[in-house]
């Protein structure tokens, strides 16, 4: 079972959970509601949040607006159990 993380400081709608990238297995923290993203060593607060789309676009080398063209979340990431 994944560890419990705090309520998302950005949207306050969902808990932050541990996910991982499928291609390399790197873990990260994510709010699935607002897509706020943190690397594991970051302090989880509103000021340190990245946007999932920006991180995935950079990782895949695509333009932000095309990051999910032909892809779904399950192609790129998964909840770490």
N, C-alpha and C. Protein backbone atom coordinates (compact mmCIF):
# COMPACT_ATOMS: atom_id res chain seq x y z
N UNK A 1 0.84 -1.18 0.00
CA UNK A 1 0.00 0.00 0.00
C UNK A 1 0.89 1.25 0.00
N UNK A 2 0.53 2.22 -0.79
CA UNK A 2 1.31 3.45 -0.89
C UNK A 2 1.19 4.26 0.40
N UNK A 3 2.23 5.00 0.75
CA UNK A 3 2.15 5.83 1.96
C UNK A 3 1.12 6.94 1.78
N UNK A 4 0.60 7.41 2.90
CA UNK A 4 -0.36 8.51 2.84
C UNK A 4 0.39 9.83 2.75
N UNK A 5 -0.07 10.68 1.89
CA UNK A 5 0.50 12.00 1.72
C UNK A 5 -0.57 13.02 2.06
N UNK A 6 -0.19 14.25 2.17
CA UNK A 6 -1.14 15.29 2.58
C UNK A 6 -2.17 15.62 1.50
N UNK A 7 -3.19 16.33 1.93
CA UNK A 7 -4.16 16.89 0.99
C UNK A 7 -3.39 17.85 0.09
N UNK A 8 -3.75 17.88 -1.17
CA UNK A 8 -3.07 18.75 -2.12
C UNK A 8 -3.16 20.20 -1.68
N UNK A 9 -2.03 20.90 -1.55
CA UNK A 9 -2.05 22.30 -1.14
C UNK A 9 -2.53 23.24 -2.25
N UNK A 10 -2.58 22.75 -3.48
CA UNK A 10 -2.99 23.60 -4.59
C UNK A 10 -4.50 23.65 -4.77
N UNK A 11 -5.15 22.50 -4.73
CA UNK A 11 -6.60 22.47 -4.96
C UNK A 11 -7.41 22.09 -3.72
N UNK A 12 -6.75 21.48 -2.76
CA UNK A 12 -7.40 21.02 -1.52
C UNK A 12 -8.59 20.12 -1.80
N UNK A 13 -8.53 19.38 -2.91
CA UNK A 13 -9.63 18.50 -3.31
C UNK A 13 -9.28 17.02 -3.19
N UNK A 14 -7.99 16.68 -3.23
CA UNK A 14 -7.58 15.29 -3.28
C UNK A 14 -6.24 15.13 -2.57
N UNK A 15 -5.96 13.91 -2.15
CA UNK A 15 -4.67 13.63 -1.53
C UNK A 15 -3.58 13.50 -2.58
N UNK A 16 -2.39 13.92 -2.24
CA UNK A 16 -1.22 13.74 -3.08
C UNK A 16 -0.85 12.25 -2.98
N UNK A 17 -0.56 11.62 -4.12
CA UNK A 17 -0.23 10.20 -4.14
C UNK A 17 1.07 9.98 -4.90
N UNK A 18 1.68 8.83 -4.66
CA UNK A 18 2.93 8.48 -5.34
C UNK A 18 2.59 7.76 -6.64
N UNK A 19 3.13 8.29 -7.73
CA UNK A 19 3.02 7.68 -9.05
C UNK A 19 4.44 7.38 -9.52
N UNK A 20 4.54 6.72 -10.66
CA UNK A 20 5.85 6.50 -11.26
C UNK A 20 5.71 6.55 -12.77
N UNK A 21 6.83 6.94 -13.43
CA UNK A 21 6.86 6.91 -14.88
C UNK A 21 7.06 5.47 -15.32
N UNK A 22 6.29 5.02 -16.28
CA UNK A 22 6.39 3.65 -16.75
C UNK A 22 7.71 3.35 -17.45
N UNK A 23 8.25 4.32 -18.19
CA UNK A 23 9.45 4.04 -18.97
C UNK A 23 10.72 3.91 -18.14
N UNK A 24 10.81 4.61 -17.02
CA UNK A 24 12.04 4.55 -16.24
C UNK A 24 11.82 4.19 -14.78
N UNK A 25 10.57 4.20 -14.36
CA UNK A 25 10.25 3.83 -12.99
C UNK A 25 10.45 4.92 -11.95
N UNK A 26 10.83 6.15 -12.38
CA UNK A 26 11.07 7.21 -11.41
C UNK A 26 9.77 7.59 -10.71
N UNK A 27 9.79 7.62 -9.37
CA UNK A 27 8.59 8.01 -8.63
C UNK A 27 8.45 9.53 -8.58
N UNK A 28 7.23 9.96 -8.38
CA UNK A 28 6.94 11.38 -8.18
C UNK A 28 5.62 11.48 -7.42
N UNK A 29 5.32 12.66 -6.95
CA UNK A 29 4.09 12.91 -6.21
C UNK A 29 3.14 13.68 -7.11
N UNK A 30 1.86 13.33 -7.07
CA UNK A 30 0.90 13.93 -7.98
C UNK A 30 -0.47 14.05 -7.33
N UNK A 31 -1.12 15.15 -7.59
CA UNK A 31 -2.54 15.30 -7.27
C UNK A 31 -3.28 15.02 -8.58
N UNK A 32 -4.04 13.94 -8.62
CA UNK A 32 -4.76 13.58 -9.84
C UNK A 32 -5.90 14.54 -10.16
N UNK A 33 -6.32 15.33 -9.19
CA UNK A 33 -7.41 16.29 -9.41
C UNK A 33 -6.92 17.50 -10.22
N UNK A 34 -5.86 18.14 -9.75
CA UNK A 34 -5.40 19.38 -10.41
C UNK A 34 -4.09 19.19 -11.18
N UNK A 35 -3.53 17.98 -11.13
CA UNK A 35 -2.29 17.63 -11.84
C UNK A 35 -1.08 18.39 -11.35
N UNK A 36 -1.10 18.77 -10.07
CA UNK A 36 0.10 19.36 -9.45
C UNK A 36 1.11 18.23 -9.25
N UNK A 37 2.37 18.51 -9.53
CA UNK A 37 3.43 17.51 -9.59
C UNK A 37 4.59 17.95 -8.70
N UNK A 38 5.18 17.00 -7.97
CA UNK A 38 6.39 17.24 -7.19
C UNK A 38 7.32 16.05 -7.33
N UNK A 39 8.61 16.32 -7.44
CA UNK A 39 9.61 15.24 -7.36
C UNK A 39 9.69 14.82 -5.89
N UNK A 40 10.09 13.60 -5.58
CA UNK A 40 10.06 13.11 -4.20
C UNK A 40 10.86 13.94 -3.20
N UNK A 41 11.91 14.59 -3.63
CA UNK A 41 12.73 15.35 -2.68
C UNK A 41 12.25 16.79 -2.49
N UNK A 42 11.17 17.17 -3.18
CA UNK A 42 10.63 18.54 -3.06
C UNK A 42 9.72 18.65 -1.85
N UNK A 43 9.65 19.85 -1.31
CA UNK A 43 8.68 20.15 -0.27
C UNK A 43 7.32 20.29 -0.96
N UNK A 44 6.32 19.60 -0.46
CA UNK A 44 4.99 19.64 -1.08
C UNK A 44 4.24 20.87 -0.58
N UNK A 45 4.26 21.91 -1.41
CA UNK A 45 3.46 23.09 -1.13
C UNK A 45 3.11 23.75 -2.46
N UNK A 46 2.23 24.72 -2.40
CA UNK A 46 1.74 25.34 -3.63
C UNK A 46 2.86 26.01 -4.43
N UNK A 47 3.81 26.61 -3.75
CA UNK A 47 4.89 27.31 -4.42
C UNK A 47 5.90 26.42 -5.11
N UNK A 48 5.96 25.15 -4.75
CA UNK A 48 6.94 24.24 -5.36
C UNK A 48 6.32 23.32 -6.39
N UNK A 49 5.01 23.40 -6.59
CA UNK A 49 4.31 22.51 -7.52
C UNK A 49 4.70 22.81 -8.97
N UNK A 50 4.88 21.76 -9.73
CA UNK A 50 5.05 21.84 -11.17
C UNK A 50 3.75 21.35 -11.78
N UNK A 51 3.58 21.52 -13.08
CA UNK A 51 2.40 20.99 -13.76
C UNK A 51 2.77 19.70 -14.47
N UNK A 52 1.94 18.69 -14.29
CA UNK A 52 2.20 17.39 -14.90
C UNK A 52 2.46 17.52 -16.40
N UNK A 53 1.63 18.26 -17.11
CA UNK A 53 1.80 18.39 -18.56
C UNK A 53 3.18 18.93 -18.92
N UNK A 54 3.68 19.90 -18.17
CA UNK A 54 5.00 20.47 -18.45
C UNK A 54 6.10 19.43 -18.26
N UNK A 55 6.02 18.68 -17.18
CA UNK A 55 7.05 17.66 -16.89
C UNK A 55 7.01 16.56 -17.94
N UNK A 56 5.82 16.09 -18.29
CA UNK A 56 5.71 15.02 -19.28
C UNK A 56 6.14 15.51 -20.66
N UNK A 57 5.77 16.73 -21.03
CA UNK A 57 6.18 17.28 -22.32
C UNK A 57 7.70 17.35 -22.42
N UNK A 58 8.35 17.82 -21.35
CA UNK A 58 9.81 17.89 -21.36
C UNK A 58 10.42 16.49 -21.44
N UNK A 59 9.86 15.57 -20.68
CA UNK A 59 10.37 14.20 -20.66
C UNK A 59 10.26 13.53 -22.03
N UNK A 60 9.14 13.78 -22.72
CA UNK A 60 8.91 13.15 -24.02
C UNK A 60 9.45 13.97 -25.18
N UNK A 61 9.87 15.22 -24.90
CA UNK A 61 10.40 16.08 -25.95
C UNK A 61 9.34 16.53 -26.94
N UNK A 62 8.16 16.85 -26.42
CA UNK A 62 7.07 17.32 -27.28
C UNK A 62 6.59 18.68 -26.78
N UNK A 63 5.86 19.39 -27.63
CA UNK A 63 5.28 20.68 -27.25
C UNK A 63 4.19 20.45 -26.21
N UNK A 64 4.05 21.39 -25.28
CA UNK A 64 3.07 21.26 -24.21
C UNK A 64 1.68 20.90 -24.71
N UNK A 65 1.22 21.55 -25.75
CA UNK A 65 -0.13 21.32 -26.25
C UNK A 65 -0.33 19.96 -26.90
N UNK A 66 0.75 19.26 -27.18
CA UNK A 66 0.65 17.96 -27.84
C UNK A 66 1.03 16.80 -26.93
N UNK A 67 1.23 17.08 -25.67
CA UNK A 67 1.73 16.05 -24.76
C UNK A 67 0.82 14.83 -24.68
N UNK A 68 -0.48 15.02 -24.76
CA UNK A 68 -1.39 13.88 -24.64
C UNK A 68 -1.98 13.45 -25.99
N UNK A 69 -1.47 14.02 -27.10
CA UNK A 69 -1.95 13.62 -28.42
C UNK A 69 -1.58 12.15 -28.66
N UNK A 70 -2.58 11.31 -28.77
CA UNK A 70 -2.33 9.89 -29.01
C UNK A 70 -1.88 9.12 -27.78
N UNK A 71 -1.94 9.75 -26.60
CA UNK A 71 -1.52 9.09 -25.35
C UNK A 71 -2.58 9.28 -24.28
N UNK A 72 -2.55 8.40 -23.32
CA UNK A 72 -3.35 8.57 -22.11
C UNK A 72 -2.40 8.50 -20.93
N UNK A 73 -2.90 8.87 -19.75
CA UNK A 73 -2.06 8.78 -18.56
C UNK A 73 -1.48 7.39 -18.41
N UNK A 74 -2.29 6.36 -18.66
CA UNK A 74 -1.83 4.99 -18.44
C UNK A 74 -0.71 4.58 -19.40
N UNK A 75 -0.50 5.32 -20.47
CA UNK A 75 0.63 5.07 -21.37
C UNK A 75 1.93 5.57 -20.76
N UNK A 76 1.85 6.58 -19.89
CA UNK A 76 3.03 7.28 -19.40
C UNK A 76 3.31 7.05 -17.92
N UNK A 77 2.26 6.96 -17.12
CA UNK A 77 2.47 6.87 -15.67
C UNK A 77 1.47 5.92 -15.04
N UNK A 78 1.79 5.51 -13.81
CA UNK A 78 0.89 4.64 -13.07
C UNK A 78 1.03 4.91 -11.58
N UNK A 79 -0.04 4.64 -10.86
CA UNK A 79 -0.04 4.77 -9.43
C UNK A 79 0.91 3.75 -8.85
N UNK A 80 1.77 4.18 -7.96
CA UNK A 80 2.72 3.25 -7.36
C UNK A 80 2.03 2.60 -6.16
N UNK A 81 1.97 1.31 -6.18
CA UNK A 81 1.30 0.58 -5.08
C UNK A 81 2.28 0.17 -4.02
